[in-house]
Amino acid sequence: MTLSLRRSNEQERDVRTFIREIRQYAAVRELDEGILNRLISRILVGEVKKVDGEKFQEIKIIYNFVGEIPAVTE
């Protein structure tokens, strides 16, 4: 098996695991420490910047199994 095929299979397995995990929490109304620890690897908080007079701070959430999920813009 080639390296790229192996990586692809690992990514697919990780995504399936993430989907299985996230389904368990679909009806959750409030996040608690246990849920956050199970789903999120880390949260990266950038420094505060001013853009057009408004404060802006970039936050990236790195999920377990799948990494960062790109933001959807309108």
Protein backbone atom coordinates (compact mmCIF):
# COMPACT_ATOMS: atom_id res chain seq x y z
CA MET A 1 0.00 0.00 0.00
CA THR A 2 1.40 3.39 -0.94
CA LEU A 3 2.01 6.07 1.65
CA SER A 4 -0.65 8.41 0.21
CA LEU A 5 -3.25 5.62 0.15
CA ARG A 6 -2.41 4.75 3.75
CA ARG A 7 -2.78 8.41 4.77
CA SER A 8 -6.09 8.62 2.93
CA ASN A 9 -7.35 5.53 4.74
CA GLU A 10 -6.22 6.94 8.09
CA GLN A 11 -7.97 10.27 7.38
CA GLU A 12 -11.16 8.46 6.41
CA ARG A 13 -11.01 6.41 9.62
CA ASP A 14 -10.44 9.57 11.68
CA VAL A 15 -13.38 11.38 10.05
CA ARG A 16 -15.65 8.38 10.67
CA THR A 17 -14.52 8.31 14.31
CA PHE A 18 -15.20 12.05 14.66
CA ILE A 19 -18.69 11.66 13.17
CA ARG A 20 -19.44 8.77 15.51
CA GLU A 21 -18.26 10.84 18.49
CA ILE A 22 -20.11 14.01 17.51
CA ARG A 23 -23.41 12.14 17.04
CA GLN A 24 -23.34 11.24 20.74
CA TYR A 25 -23.53 14.93 21.57
CA ALA A 26 -26.09 16.09 18.97
CA ALA A 27 -28.80 16.79 21.57
CA VAL A 28 -26.51 18.37 24.18
CA ARG A 29 -27.82 21.73 25.37
CA GLU A 30 -24.78 22.72 27.40
CA LEU A 31 -21.10 21.91 26.94
CA ASP A 32 -19.21 20.62 29.91
CA GLU A 33 -15.54 19.84 30.50
CA GLY A 34 -15.93 16.16 29.57
CA ILE A 35 -17.52 16.89 26.21
CA LEU A 36 -14.95 19.55 25.36
CA ASN A 37 -12.06 17.25 26.27
CA ARG A 38 -13.49 14.43 24.13
CA LEU A 39 -14.12 16.53 21.02
CA ILE A 40 -11.49 19.29 21.08
CA SER A 41 -7.74 18.84 20.97
CA ARG A 42 -6.88 22.50 21.56
CA ILE A 43 -8.10 26.06 21.13
CA LEU A 44 -5.71 28.66 19.75
CA VAL A 45 -6.46 32.27 20.65
CA GLY A 46 -4.69 35.01 18.70
CA GLU A 47 -3.81 38.45 19.89
CA VAL A 48 -6.41 41.23 19.85
CA LYS A 49 -6.16 43.47 16.77
CA LYS A 50 -8.10 46.54 15.73
CA VAL A 51 -9.67 46.45 12.28
CA ASP A 52 -11.58 49.56 11.17
CA GLY A 53 -11.84 50.67 14.79
CA GLU A 54 -13.29 47.36 16.00
CA LYS A 55 -11.47 44.77 18.06
CA PHE A 56 -10.82 41.48 16.33
CA GLN A 57 -9.39 38.27 17.75
CA GLU A 58 -8.80 35.10 15.76
CA ILE A 59 -9.77 31.85 17.46
CA LYS A 60 -9.01 28.43 15.95
CA ILE A 61 -10.53 25.23 17.28
CA ILE A 62 -8.52 22.09 16.61
CA TYR A 63 -10.78 19.05 16.93
CA ASN A 64 -9.71 15.54 17.87
CA PHE A 65 -9.52 13.15 14.91
CA VAL A 66 -10.05 15.77 12.15
CA GLY A 67 -8.00 18.83 13.08
CA GLU A 68 -9.19 22.30 12.12
CA ILE A 69 -12.45 22.59 10.23
CA PRO A 70 -12.35 25.60 7.89
CA ALA A 71 -14.91 28.32 8.57
CA VAL A 72 -17.78 28.66 6.14
CA THR A 73 -18.19 32.21 4.92
CA GLU A 74 -21.29 33.78 3.46
